[in-house]
Amino acid sequence: MSAVVLYGPPTSGKDTVTAALQAVDPRFRLVTKLKQGSGRSTGYRFVSSEELESLRHQNRIVVETRRYGNVYAVDRRSLTQPQEHGLVPVTHIGNVADMRSLLSGAPTQWLRVLLWVPREVCETRSRRRGDTDTAKRLTAWDETSQDLLASDLRNLFDLVVRTDRSDAERTAKDIAAAVDRPPAALAPEDLLATLGLEPGSPARAHR
């Protein structure tokens, strides 16, 4: 495997697990996403609408997402440049459509990881870290749950981790091991059972 994508709702631990990955193995490098808008700057490079449009015309935008009133994008070079130096880029994705765009738009060997927490844990974590937009985070959790229930999950995820049950270091070690020894993709029914989601039911996860 030469790249890792972490999918999951807000507060599922994408940033925390990425930091743990970098501590476990220096090969891992977080992809700095492009961001047009406002708000948190950590992990992003702010760009103007003109710069973003220029990158689109150069076919450098692999995937683009609109959320929280902002535009987020992955520059193709942020994936290829680390790989040229023997590093493993790590990027974060929040919905299945964008994930499939990433996988098809940047053909490489991906380890595809789903990080998950129940909705009540999402709320607790958001409030504890001082988010001023917890309600939006919960809306995003609902959207992510529905996204999984409504999507074709066959051959999509290699690993699924409940981060309310596994600490960041253990999760990072499992991901690092899977990069070197890729597992078989998870069956959709096994994945949903681990998350506590049931097809045809409201998008709420059980404990």
N, C-alpha and C. Protein backbone atom coordinates (compact mmCIF):
# COMPACT_ATOMS: atom_id res chain seq x y z
N MET A 1 0.84 -1.19 0.00
CA MET A 1 0.00 0.00 0.00
C MET A 1 0.88 1.25 0.00
N SER A 2 0.45 2.30 -0.69
CA SER A 2 1.26 3.51 -0.75
C SER A 2 0.50 4.76 -0.32
N ALA A 3 -0.75 4.62 0.13
CA ALA A 3 -1.51 5.76 0.63
C ALA A 3 -2.62 5.24 1.54
N VAL A 4 -3.05 6.09 2.47
CA VAL A 4 -4.10 5.73 3.42
C VAL A 4 -5.19 6.79 3.35
N VAL A 5 -6.44 6.36 3.30
CA VAL A 5 -7.56 7.28 3.39
C VAL A 5 -8.38 6.91 4.62
N LEU A 6 -8.66 7.91 5.44
CA LEU A 6 -9.48 7.73 6.64
C LEU A 6 -10.84 8.37 6.39
N TYR A 7 -11.88 7.56 6.48
CA TYR A 7 -13.26 8.03 6.33
C TYR A 7 -13.92 7.99 7.70
N GLY A 8 -14.75 8.98 8.00
CA GLY A 8 -15.48 8.94 9.25
C GLY A 8 -16.17 10.25 9.55
N PRO A 9 -17.13 10.21 10.46
CA PRO A 9 -17.86 11.42 10.85
C PRO A 9 -17.00 12.31 11.73
N PRO A 10 -17.47 13.52 12.03
CA PRO A 10 -16.74 14.39 12.95
C PRO A 10 -16.49 13.69 14.28
N THR A 11 -15.35 13.96 14.87
CA THR A 11 -14.89 13.47 16.18
C THR A 11 -14.59 11.97 16.19
N SER A 12 -14.58 11.33 15.04
CA SER A 12 -14.26 9.90 15.02
C SER A 12 -12.77 9.65 15.22
N GLY A 13 -11.97 10.71 15.18
CA GLY A 13 -10.56 10.56 15.51
C GLY A 13 -9.61 10.62 14.34
N LYS A 14 -10.02 11.18 13.22
CA LYS A 14 -9.14 11.20 12.05
C LYS A 14 -7.84 11.96 12.33
N ASP A 15 -7.94 13.14 12.96
CA ASP A 15 -6.73 13.90 13.28
C ASP A 15 -5.89 13.19 14.33
N THR A 16 -6.55 12.67 15.36
CA THR A 16 -5.83 12.01 16.46
C THR A 16 -5.12 10.75 15.97
N VAL A 17 -5.80 9.97 15.16
CA VAL A 17 -5.20 8.74 14.63
C VAL A 17 -4.06 9.07 13.68
N THR A 18 -4.21 10.11 12.88
CA THR A 18 -3.13 10.50 11.97
C THR A 18 -1.89 10.90 12.75
N ALA A 19 -2.06 11.66 13.82
CA ALA A 19 -0.92 12.05 14.66
C ALA A 19 -0.27 10.81 15.28
N ALA A 20 -1.09 9.85 15.70
CA ALA A 20 -0.56 8.61 16.27
C ALA A 20 0.19 7.80 15.21
N LEU A 21 -0.32 7.80 13.98
CA LEU A 21 0.36 7.10 12.89
C LEU A 21 1.76 7.68 12.66
N GLN A 22 1.85 9.00 12.68
CA GLN A 22 3.14 9.65 12.46
C GLN A 22 4.11 9.35 13.60
N ALA A 23 3.58 9.16 14.80
CA ALA A 23 4.43 8.81 15.94
C ALA A 23 4.90 7.36 15.85
N VAL A 24 4.03 6.49 15.34
CA VAL A 24 4.36 5.07 15.22
C VAL A 24 5.34 4.81 14.09
N ASP A 25 5.19 5.53 12.97
CA ASP A 25 5.99 5.27 11.78
C ASP A 25 6.18 6.59 11.02
N PRO A 26 7.42 7.06 10.89
CA PRO A 26 7.67 8.36 10.24
C PRO A 26 7.37 8.38 8.75
N ARG A 27 7.03 7.23 8.16
CA ARG A 27 6.68 7.24 6.74
C ARG A 27 5.37 7.99 6.49
N PHE A 28 4.48 8.01 7.47
CA PHE A 28 3.15 8.58 7.26
C PHE A 28 3.18 10.10 7.28
N ARG A 29 2.50 10.70 6.31
CA ARG A 29 2.44 12.16 6.20
C ARG A 29 1.00 12.58 5.91
N LEU A 30 0.48 13.48 6.74
CA LEU A 30 -0.87 14.00 6.51
C LEU A 30 -0.87 14.89 5.28
N VAL A 31 -1.84 14.65 4.41
CA VAL A 31 -2.03 15.50 3.24
C VAL A 31 -2.63 16.83 3.69
N THR A 32 -2.01 17.92 3.32
CA THR A 32 -2.55 19.24 3.63
C THR A 32 -3.62 19.57 2.58
N LYS A 33 -4.86 19.61 3.02
CA LYS A 33 -5.94 19.90 2.09
C LYS A 33 -5.99 21.39 1.77
N LEU A 34 -6.54 21.69 0.62
CA LEU A 34 -6.81 23.07 0.26
C LEU A 34 -8.16 23.47 0.86
N LYS A 35 -8.26 24.72 1.26
CA LYS A 35 -9.50 25.19 1.86
C LYS A 35 -9.79 26.60 1.37
N GLN A 36 -11.00 26.77 0.86
CA GLN A 36 -11.47 28.10 0.48
C GLN A 36 -12.61 28.46 1.42
N GLY A 37 -12.43 29.49 2.21
CA GLY A 37 -13.47 29.87 3.17
C GLY A 37 -12.86 30.43 4.43
N SER A 38 -13.38 30.00 5.57
CA SER A 38 -12.92 30.53 6.85
C SER A 38 -12.92 29.42 7.89
N GLY A 39 -12.51 29.78 9.11
CA GLY A 39 -12.52 28.81 10.20
C GLY A 39 -11.15 28.22 10.47
N ARG A 40 -11.13 26.98 10.98
CA ARG A 40 -9.91 26.33 11.44
C ARG A 40 -8.90 26.22 10.31
N SER A 41 -7.63 26.55 10.63
CA SER A 41 -6.58 26.50 9.62
C SER A 41 -5.65 25.31 9.76
N THR A 42 -5.66 24.66 10.92
CA THR A 42 -4.77 23.52 11.15
C THR A 42 -5.06 22.40 10.16
N GLY A 43 -4.02 21.96 9.44
CA GLY A 43 -4.17 20.88 8.48
C GLY A 43 -4.64 21.33 7.11
N TYR A 44 -4.77 22.64 6.91
CA TYR A 44 -5.27 23.16 5.63
C TYR A 44 -4.33 24.24 5.08
N ARG A 45 -4.40 24.42 3.77
CA ARG A 45 -3.77 25.57 3.14
C ARG A 45 -4.88 26.39 2.50
N PHE A 46 -5.06 27.60 2.98
CA PHE A 46 -6.12 28.45 2.45
C PHE A 46 -5.77 28.92 1.04
N VAL A 47 -6.76 28.86 0.16
CA VAL A 47 -6.58 29.32 -1.21
C VAL A 47 -7.75 30.23 -1.57
N SER A 48 -7.51 31.09 -2.54
CA SER A 48 -8.59 31.95 -3.04
C SER A 48 -9.42 31.17 -4.04
N SER A 49 -10.58 31.70 -4.36
CA SER A 49 -11.42 31.05 -5.37
C SER A 49 -10.72 31.03 -6.72
N GLU A 50 -9.92 32.05 -7.00
CA GLU A 50 -9.20 32.11 -8.28
C GLU A 50 -8.12 31.03 -8.33
N GLU A 51 -7.40 30.84 -7.23
CA GLU A 51 -6.36 29.81 -7.22
C GLU A 51 -6.97 28.42 -7.34
N LEU A 52 -8.08 28.21 -6.66
CA LEU A 52 -8.74 26.91 -6.74
C LEU A 52 -9.22 26.63 -8.16
N GLU A 53 -9.77 27.64 -8.80
CA GLU A 53 -10.23 27.47 -10.18
C GLU A 53 -9.06 27.17 -11.11
N SER A 54 -7.92 27.81 -10.87
CA SER A 54 -6.74 27.55 -11.69
C SER A 54 -6.28 26.10 -11.54
N LEU A 55 -6.32 25.57 -10.33
CA LEU A 55 -5.91 24.19 -10.09
C LEU A 55 -6.89 23.21 -10.75
N ARG A 56 -8.16 23.57 -10.77
CA ARG A 56 -9.15 22.74 -11.47
C ARG A 56 -8.80 22.64 -12.95
N HIS A 57 -8.45 23.77 -13.55
CA HIS A 57 -8.13 23.79 -14.98
C HIS A 57 -6.87 23.00 -15.27
N GLN A 58 -5.97 22.89 -14.28
CA GLN A 58 -4.74 22.12 -14.45
C GLN A 58 -4.96 20.63 -14.15
N ASN A 59 -6.21 20.26 -13.86
CA ASN A 59 -6.54 18.87 -13.53
C ASN A 59 -5.78 18.38 -12.31
N ARG A 60 -5.56 19.27 -11.35
CA ARG A 60 -4.84 18.90 -10.13
C ARG A 60 -5.77 18.61 -8.96
N ILE A 61 -7.05 18.91 -9.10
CA ILE A 61 -7.99 18.65 -8.01
C ILE A 61 -8.54 17.23 -8.16
N VAL A 62 -8.22 16.39 -7.20
CA VAL A 62 -8.65 14.99 -7.23
C VAL A 62 -10.07 14.86 -6.69
N VAL A 63 -10.36 15.58 -5.62
CA VAL A 63 -11.69 15.53 -5.01
C VAL A 63 -11.97 16.87 -4.36
N GLU A 64 -13.23 17.27 -4.36
CA GLU A 64 -13.63 18.57 -3.83
C GLU A 64 -14.92 18.41 -3.04
N THR A 65 -14.96 19.00 -1.85
CA THR A 65 -16.10 18.85 -0.95
C THR A 65 -16.54 20.20 -0.44
N ARG A 66 -17.86 20.39 -0.30
CA ARG A 66 -18.41 21.60 0.30
C ARG A 66 -19.07 21.23 1.61
N ARG A 67 -18.61 21.85 2.71
CA ARG A 67 -19.19 21.57 4.02
C ARG A 67 -18.87 22.74 4.95
N TYR A 68 -19.79 23.00 5.88
CA TYR A 68 -19.64 24.09 6.85
C TYR A 68 -19.44 25.45 6.16
N GLY A 69 -19.95 25.59 4.95
CA GLY A 69 -19.82 26.85 4.23
C GLY A 69 -18.47 27.05 3.56
N ASN A 70 -17.63 26.02 3.57
CA ASN A 70 -16.30 26.10 2.97
C ASN A 70 -16.17 25.10 1.83
N VAL A 71 -15.11 25.26 1.04
CA VAL A 71 -14.76 24.30 0.01
C VAL A 71 -13.43 23.66 0.41
N TYR A 72 -13.40 22.33 0.41
CA TYR A 72 -12.19 21.57 0.73
C TYR A 72 -11.79 20.77 -0.50
N ALA A 73 -10.49 20.68 -0.77
CA ALA A 73 -10.04 19.97 -1.97
C ALA A 73 -8.70 19.29 -1.72
N VAL A 74 -8.44 18.23 -2.48
CA VAL A 74 -7.17 17.53 -2.43
C VAL A 74 -6.43 17.78 -3.74
N ASP A 75 -5.24 18.33 -3.62
CA ASP A 75 -4.37 18.58 -4.77
C ASP A 75 -3.62 17.29 -5.10
N ARG A 76 -3.66 16.87 -6.34
CA ARG A 76 -3.01 15.63 -6.76
C ARG A 76 -1.53 15.60 -6.33
N ARG A 77 -0.86 16.73 -6.39
CA ARG A 77 0.55 16.76 -6.04
C ARG A 77 0.81 16.50 -4.56
N SER A 78 -0.19 16.76 -3.72
CA SER A 78 0.00 16.49 -2.29
C SER A 78 0.02 14.99 -2.01
N LEU A 79 -0.43 14.19 -2.99
CA LEU A 79 -0.36 12.74 -2.89
C LEU A 79 0.90 12.20 -3.55
N THR A 80 1.20 12.70 -4.73
CA THR A 80 2.31 12.13 -5.50
C THR A 80 3.69 12.54 -4.96
N GLN A 81 3.82 13.76 -4.47
CA GLN A 81 5.13 14.21 -4.00
C GLN A 81 5.64 13.40 -2.81
N PRO A 82 4.83 13.13 -1.77
CA PRO A 82 5.34 12.28 -0.69
C PRO A 82 5.72 10.88 -1.17
N GLN A 83 4.92 10.31 -2.08
CA GLN A 83 5.20 8.97 -2.57
C GLN A 83 6.54 8.91 -3.31
N GLU A 84 6.88 9.99 -3.99
CA GLU A 84 8.16 10.02 -4.70
C GLU A 84 9.34 9.94 -3.74
N HIS A 85 9.11 10.26 -2.46
CA HIS A 85 10.17 10.22 -1.45
C HIS A 85 10.01 9.03 -0.50
N GLY A 86 9.19 8.05 -0.91
CA GLY A 86 9.02 6.85 -0.11
C GLY A 86 8.12 7.02 1.09
N LEU A 87 7.32 8.09 1.12
CA LEU A 87 6.42 8.35 2.23
C LEU A 87 5.02 7.87 1.90
N VAL A 88 4.18 7.76 2.91
CA VAL A 88 2.81 7.28 2.76
C VAL A 88 1.85 8.42 3.09
N PRO A 89 1.24 9.04 2.10
CA PRO A 89 0.29 10.13 2.38
C PRO A 89 -0.98 9.61 3.04
N VAL A 90 -1.51 10.41 3.95
CA VAL A 90 -2.74 10.09 4.66
C VAL A 90 -3.72 11.23 4.43
N THR A 91 -4.90 10.90 3.91
CA THR A 91 -5.90 11.94 3.69
C THR A 91 -7.21 11.55 4.35
N HIS A 92 -8.05 12.56 4.59
CA HIS A 92 -9.33 12.36 5.29
C HIS A 92 -10.49 12.64 4.34
N ILE A 93 -11.50 11.79 4.40
CA ILE A 93 -12.67 11.93 3.54
C ILE A 93 -13.93 11.75 4.38
N GLY A 94 -15.01 12.51 4.04
CA GLY A 94 -16.20 12.47 4.86
C GLY A 94 -17.44 11.87 4.23
N ASN A 95 -17.38 11.47 2.95
CA ASN A 95 -18.54 10.81 2.35
C ASN A 95 -18.10 9.84 1.28
N VAL A 96 -18.98 8.87 0.97
CA VAL A 96 -18.62 7.77 0.08
C VAL A 96 -18.37 8.27 -1.35
N ALA A 97 -19.19 9.19 -1.84
CA ALA A 97 -19.00 9.69 -3.20
C ALA A 97 -17.62 10.32 -3.37
N ASP A 98 -17.21 11.13 -2.38
CA ASP A 98 -15.89 11.75 -2.46
C ASP A 98 -14.79 10.70 -2.34
N MET A 99 -15.04 9.69 -1.54
CA MET A 99 -14.04 8.64 -1.40
C MET A 99 -13.85 7.89 -2.71
N ARG A 100 -14.94 7.58 -3.38
CA ARG A 100 -14.81 6.90 -4.67
C ARG A 100 -14.15 7.80 -5.70
N SER A 101 -14.42 9.10 -5.64
CA SER A 101 -13.74 10.05 -6.53
C SER A 101 -12.25 10.06 -6.27
N LEU A 102 -11.88 10.03 -4.99
CA LEU A 102 -10.47 10.00 -4.63
C LEU A 102 -9.80 8.73 -5.14
N LEU A 103 -10.45 7.59 -4.92
CA LEU A 103 -9.86 6.30 -5.31
C LEU A 103 -9.69 6.20 -6.82
N SER A 104 -10.66 6.72 -7.57
CA SER A 104 -10.57 6.65 -9.03
C SER A 104 -9.71 7.76 -9.60
N GLY A 105 -9.70 8.91 -8.94
CA GLY A 105 -8.95 10.06 -9.46
C GLY A 105 -7.48 10.02 -9.15
N ALA A 106 -7.10 9.25 -8.12
CA ALA A 106 -5.69 9.10 -7.76
C ALA A 106 -5.38 7.62 -7.68
N PRO A 107 -5.22 6.97 -8.83
CA PRO A 107 -4.99 5.53 -8.84
C PRO A 107 -3.67 5.16 -8.19
N THR A 108 -3.74 4.61 -7.02
CA THR A 108 -2.58 4.14 -6.28
C THR A 108 -3.06 3.00 -5.40
N GLN A 109 -2.21 2.41 -4.62
CA GLN A 109 -2.62 1.35 -3.71
C GLN A 109 -3.06 1.99 -2.40
N TRP A 110 -4.38 2.01 -2.19
CA TRP A 110 -4.96 2.65 -1.02
C TRP A 110 -5.28 1.63 0.08
N LEU A 111 -4.99 2.00 1.32
CA LEU A 111 -5.56 1.30 2.46
C LEU A 111 -6.73 2.16 2.91
N ARG A 112 -7.93 1.58 2.91
CA ARG A 112 -9.16 2.36 3.12
C ARG A 112 -9.72 2.02 4.50
N VAL A 113 -9.72 3.02 5.37
CA VAL A 113 -10.04 2.81 6.78
C VAL A 113 -11.26 3.63 7.17
N LEU A 114 -12.21 2.99 7.83
CA LEU A 114 -13.39 3.68 8.35
C LEU A 114 -13.25 3.80 9.87
N LEU A 115 -13.23 5.03 10.36
CA LEU A 115 -13.21 5.30 11.80
C LEU A 115 -14.61 5.71 12.23
N TRP A 116 -15.04 5.22 13.42
CA TRP A 116 -16.44 5.42 13.80
C TRP A 116 -16.61 5.65 15.29
N VAL A 117 -17.60 6.47 15.63
CA VAL A 117 -18.10 6.60 17.00
C VAL A 117 -19.61 6.75 16.94
N PRO A 118 -20.33 6.28 17.96
CA PRO A 118 -21.77 6.52 18.02
C PRO A 118 -22.08 8.02 18.12
N ARG A 119 -23.31 8.37 17.82
CA ARG A 119 -23.71 9.77 17.80
C ARG A 119 -23.52 10.46 19.15
N GLU A 120 -23.85 9.76 20.24
CA GLU A 120 -23.72 10.38 21.56
C GLU A 120 -22.26 10.64 21.91
N VAL A 121 -21.37 9.78 21.42
CA VAL A 121 -19.94 10.01 21.65
C VAL A 121 -19.47 11.20 20.83
N CYS A 122 -19.98 11.32 19.60
CA CYS A 122 -19.67 12.48 18.76
C CYS A 122 -20.04 13.77 19.49
N GLU A 123 -21.23 13.81 20.06
CA GLU A 123 -21.67 15.02 20.77
C GLU A 123 -20.79 15.30 21.98
N THR A 124 -20.49 14.28 22.76
CA THR A 124 -19.66 14.46 23.96
C THR A 124 -18.28 14.96 23.60
N ARG A 125 -17.67 14.35 22.60
CA ARG A 125 -16.33 14.77 22.20
C ARG A 125 -16.32 16.19 21.67
N SER A 126 -17.34 16.52 20.88
CA SER A 126 -17.40 17.86 20.31
C SER A 126 -17.50 18.92 21.40
N ARG A 127 -18.34 18.67 22.40
CA ARG A 127 -18.51 19.64 23.48
C ARG A 127 -17.26 19.73 24.35
N ARG A 128 -16.62 18.59 24.58
CA ARG A 128 -15.41 18.59 25.41
C ARG A 128 -14.27 19.35 24.77
N ARG A 129 -14.18 19.33 23.45
CA ARG A 129 -13.08 20.04 22.81
C ARG A 129 -13.43 21.49 22.51
N GLY A 130 -14.62 21.91 22.91
CA GLY A 130 -14.98 23.32 22.83
C GLY A 130 -15.50 23.78 21.48
N ASP A 131 -16.02 22.87 20.67
CA ASP A 131 -16.59 23.28 19.38
C ASP A 131 -17.74 24.25 19.61
N THR A 132 -17.81 25.26 18.77
CA THR A 132 -18.94 26.20 18.84
C THR A 132 -20.05 25.80 17.87
N ASP A 133 -19.81 24.74 17.11
CA ASP A 133 -20.78 24.31 16.11
C ASP A 133 -21.13 22.83 16.27
N THR A 134 -21.32 22.40 17.52
CA THR A 134 -21.62 21.00 17.79
C THR A 134 -22.86 20.53 17.02
N ALA A 135 -23.85 21.40 16.90
CA ALA A 135 -25.06 21.02 16.18
C ALA A 135 -24.74 20.66 14.73
N LYS A 136 -23.83 21.41 14.10
CA LYS A 136 -23.43 21.10 12.72
C LYS A 136 -22.67 19.78 12.67
N ARG A 137 -21.87 19.52 13.70
CA ARG A 137 -21.13 18.25 13.75
C ARG A 137 -22.11 17.07 13.84
N LEU A 138 -23.15 17.23 14.61
CA LEU A 138 -24.13 16.16 14.73
C LEU A 138 -24.91 15.98 13.43
N THR A 139 -25.20 17.08 12.76
CA THR A 139 -25.83 16.97 11.45
C THR A 139 -24.94 16.21 10.49
N ALA A 140 -23.63 16.50 10.55
CA ALA A 140 -22.68 15.79 9.69
C ALA A 140 -22.61 14.32 10.06
N TRP A 141 -22.71 14.01 11.36
CA TRP A 141 -22.73 12.59 11.78
C TRP A 141 -23.95 11.90 11.17
N ASP A 142 -25.11 12.55 11.26
CA ASP A 142 -26.33 11.98 10.68
C ASP A 142 -26.15 11.75 9.18
N GLU A 143 -25.56 12.72 8.51
CA GLU A 143 -25.35 12.60 7.07
C GLU A 143 -24.39 11.46 6.74
N THR A 144 -23.36 11.29 7.56
CA THR A 144 -22.41 10.21 7.33
C THR A 144 -23.07 8.85 7.53
N SER A 145 -23.91 8.74 8.57
CA SER A 145 -24.63 7.48 8.81
C SER A 145 -25.52 7.14 7.63
N GLN A 146 -26.27 8.13 7.16
CA GLN A 146 -27.17 7.90 6.04
C GLN A 146 -26.38 7.59 4.77
N ASP A 147 -25.25 8.25 4.64
CA ASP A 147 -24.37 8.00 3.49
C ASP A 147 -23.96 6.53 3.43
N LEU A 148 -23.59 5.97 4.57
CA LEU A 148 -23.18 4.57 4.62
C LEU A 148 -24.36 3.64 4.33
N LEU A 149 -25.50 3.95 4.90
CA LEU A 149 -26.67 3.09 4.72
C LEU A 149 -27.19 3.12 3.28
N ALA A 150 -26.99 4.25 2.61
CA ALA A 150 -27.54 4.40 1.26
C ALA A 150 -26.55 4.04 0.15
N SER A 151 -25.30 3.73 0.51
CA SER A 151 -24.26 3.53 -0.49
C SER A 151 -23.93 2.06 -0.70
N ASP A 152 -23.35 1.78 -1.84
CA ASP A 152 -22.82 0.46 -2.13
C ASP A 152 -21.46 0.36 -1.46
N LEU A 153 -21.35 -0.48 -0.43
CA LEU A 153 -20.13 -0.57 0.36
C LEU A 153 -19.25 -1.75 -0.05
N ARG A 154 -19.64 -2.46 -1.08
CA ARG A 154 -18.85 -3.61 -1.50
C ARG A 154 -17.46 -3.19 -1.94
N ASN A 155 -16.45 -3.90 -1.41
CA ASN A 155 -15.05 -3.65 -1.77
C ASN A 155 -14.63 -2.21 -1.54
N LEU A 156 -15.15 -1.60 -0.48
CA LEU A 156 -14.85 -0.19 -0.23
C LEU A 156 -13.88 0.02 0.94
N PHE A 157 -14.07 -0.72 2.04
CA PHE A 157 -13.23 -0.52 3.22
C PHE A 157 -12.44 -1.77 3.56
N ASP A 158 -11.17 -1.56 3.93
CA ASP A 158 -10.31 -2.66 4.35
C ASP A 158 -10.35 -2.85 5.86
N LEU A 159 -10.49 -1.75 6.59
CA LEU A 159 -10.53 -1.79 8.05
C LEU A 159 -11.65 -0.91 8.56
N VAL A 160 -12.27 -1.31 9.67
CA VAL A 160 -13.21 -0.44 10.36
C VAL A 160 -12.85 -0.47 11.84
N VAL A 161 -12.77 0.71 12.45
CA VAL A 161 -12.34 0.82 13.84
C VAL A 161 -13.32 1.70 14.61
N ARG A 162 -13.84 1.18 15.70
CA ARG A 162 -14.63 1.98 16.64
C ARG A 162 -13.65 2.67 17.58
N THR A 163 -13.44 3.97 17.40
CA THR A 163 -12.44 4.66 18.19
C THR A 163 -12.90 4.95 19.62
N ASP A 164 -14.17 4.64 19.91
CA ASP A 164 -14.60 4.69 21.31
C ASP A 164 -14.24 3.39 22.02
N ARG A 165 -13.72 2.42 21.29
CA ARG A 165 -13.33 1.13 21.87
C ARG A 165 -11.84 0.84 21.72
N SER A 166 -11.15 1.60 20.91
CA SER A 166 -9.73 1.39 20.67
C SER A 166 -9.01 2.72 20.75
N ASP A 167 -7.91 2.77 21.53
CA ASP A 167 -7.21 4.06 21.66
C ASP A 167 -6.41 4.35 20.39
N ALA A 168 -5.94 5.58 20.27
CA ALA A 168 -5.29 6.04 19.04
C ALA A 168 -4.03 5.26 18.74
N GLU A 169 -3.23 4.93 19.75
CA GLU A 169 -1.98 4.21 19.50
C GLU A 169 -2.25 2.82 18.94
N ARG A 170 -3.22 2.10 19.54
CA ARG A 170 -3.56 0.76 19.07
C ARG A 170 -4.10 0.83 17.64
N THR A 171 -4.95 1.81 17.39
CA THR A 171 -5.51 1.98 16.04
C THR A 171 -4.41 2.26 15.03
N ALA A 172 -3.47 3.14 15.41
CA ALA A 172 -2.37 3.47 14.50
C ALA A 172 -1.52 2.25 14.19
N LYS A 173 -1.24 1.45 15.18
CA LYS A 173 -0.43 0.24 14.96
C LYS A 173 -1.16 -0.74 14.04
N ASP A 174 -2.48 -0.86 14.21
CA ASP A 174 -3.25 -1.75 13.34
C ASP A 174 -3.22 -1.26 11.89
N ILE A 175 -3.33 0.06 11.70
CA ILE A 175 -3.30 0.62 10.35
C ILE A 175 -1.92 0.44 9.74
N ALA A 176 -0.86 0.72 10.51
CA ALA A 176 0.50 0.56 10.00
C ALA A 176 0.76 -0.88 9.57
N ALA A 177 0.27 -1.83 10.36
CA ALA A 177 0.45 -3.24 10.01
C ALA A 177 -0.32 -3.59 8.75
N ALA A 178 -1.50 -3.01 8.59
CA ALA A 178 -2.33 -3.31 7.42
C ALA A 178 -1.74 -2.71 6.14
N VAL A 179 -1.01 -1.61 6.26
CA VAL A 179 -0.35 -1.03 5.09
C VAL A 179 0.63 -2.03 4.50
N ASP A 180 1.35 -2.74 5.37
CA ASP A 180 2.33 -3.71 4.90
C ASP A 180 1.72 -5.07 4.57
N ARG A 181 0.58 -5.38 5.22
CA ARG A 181 -0.10 -6.66 4.96
C ARG A 181 -1.57 -6.38 4.74
N PRO A 182 -1.94 -5.93 3.55
CA PRO A 182 -3.33 -5.50 3.30
C PRO A 182 -4.33 -6.63 3.51
N PRO A 183 -5.39 -6.37 4.28
CA PRO A 183 -6.44 -7.37 4.49
C PRO A 183 -7.44 -7.38 3.34
N ALA A 184 -8.31 -8.38 3.36
CA ALA A 184 -9.39 -8.41 2.39
C ALA A 184 -10.43 -7.34 2.75
N ALA A 185 -11.09 -6.79 1.74
CA ALA A 185 -12.11 -5.78 1.98
C ALA A 185 -13.25 -6.37 2.82
N LEU A 186 -13.80 -5.55 3.70
CA LEU A 186 -14.87 -5.99 4.59
C LEU A 186 -16.18 -6.14 3.84
N ALA A 187 -16.93 -7.17 4.18
CA ALA A 187 -18.27 -7.33 3.62
C ALA A 187 -19.18 -6.26 4.20
N PRO A 188 -20.10 -5.70 3.41
CA PRO A 188 -20.97 -4.62 3.91
C PRO A 188 -21.73 -4.98 5.18
N GLU A 189 -22.25 -6.22 5.26
CA GLU A 189 -23.01 -6.59 6.45
C GLU A 189 -22.14 -6.63 7.70
N ASP A 190 -20.89 -7.05 7.57
CA ASP A 190 -19.98 -7.07 8.71
C ASP A 190 -19.63 -5.64 9.13
N LEU A 191 -19.43 -4.79 8.15
CA LEU A 191 -19.10 -3.40 8.43
C LEU A 191 -20.23 -2.71 9.20
N LEU A 192 -21.45 -2.83 8.70
CA LEU A 192 -22.58 -2.16 9.34
C LEU A 192 -22.84 -2.73 10.73
N ALA A 193 -22.62 -4.03 10.92
CA ALA A 193 -22.80 -4.63 12.24
C ALA A 193 -21.81 -4.05 13.24
N THR A 194 -20.58 -3.84 12.81
CA THR A 194 -19.57 -3.25 13.68
C THR A 194 -19.94 -1.83 14.07
N LEU A 195 -20.55 -1.10 13.14
CA LEU A 195 -20.94 0.28 13.42
C LEU A 195 -22.21 0.37 14.24
N GLY A 196 -22.99 -0.71 14.27
CA GLY A 196 -24.28 -0.67 14.96
C GLY A 196 -25.36 -0.04 14.11
N LEU A 197 -25.19 -0.09 12.79
CA LEU A 197 -26.18 0.45 11.87
C LEU A 197 -26.90 -0.70 11.19
N GLU A 198 -28.19 -0.54 10.96
CA GLU A 198 -28.99 -1.57 10.32
C GLU A 198 -29.62 -1.02 9.05
N PRO A 199 -29.46 -1.73 7.92
CA PRO A 199 -30.09 -1.26 6.67
C PRO A 199 -31.60 -1.09 6.85
N GLY A 200 -32.10 0.03 6.34
CA GLY A 200 -33.54 0.29 6.42
C GLY A 200 -33.99 0.94 7.70
N SER A 201 -33.05 1.15 8.63
CA SER A 201 -33.41 1.79 9.90
C SER A 201 -32.96 3.24 9.89
N PRO A 202 -33.48 4.09 10.81
CA PRO A 202 -33.03 5.48 10.89
C PRO A 202 -31.54 5.52 11.15
N ALA A 203 -30.90 6.59 10.70
CA ALA A 203 -29.45 6.71 10.82
C ALA A 203 -29.05 7.04 12.25
N ARG A 204 -29.13 6.04 13.10
CA ARG A 204 -28.69 6.16 14.49
C ARG A 204 -27.92 4.90 14.84
N ALA A 205 -26.79 5.06 15.51
CA ALA A 205 -26.00 3.91 15.89
C ALA A 205 -26.30 3.52 17.33
N HIS A 206 -26.32 2.21 17.61
CA HIS A 206 -26.53 1.72 18.96
C HIS A 206 -25.19 1.69 19.69
N ARG A 207 -25.27 1.58 20.97
CA ARG A 207 -24.05 1.45 21.76
C ARG A 207 -23.41 0.09 21.51
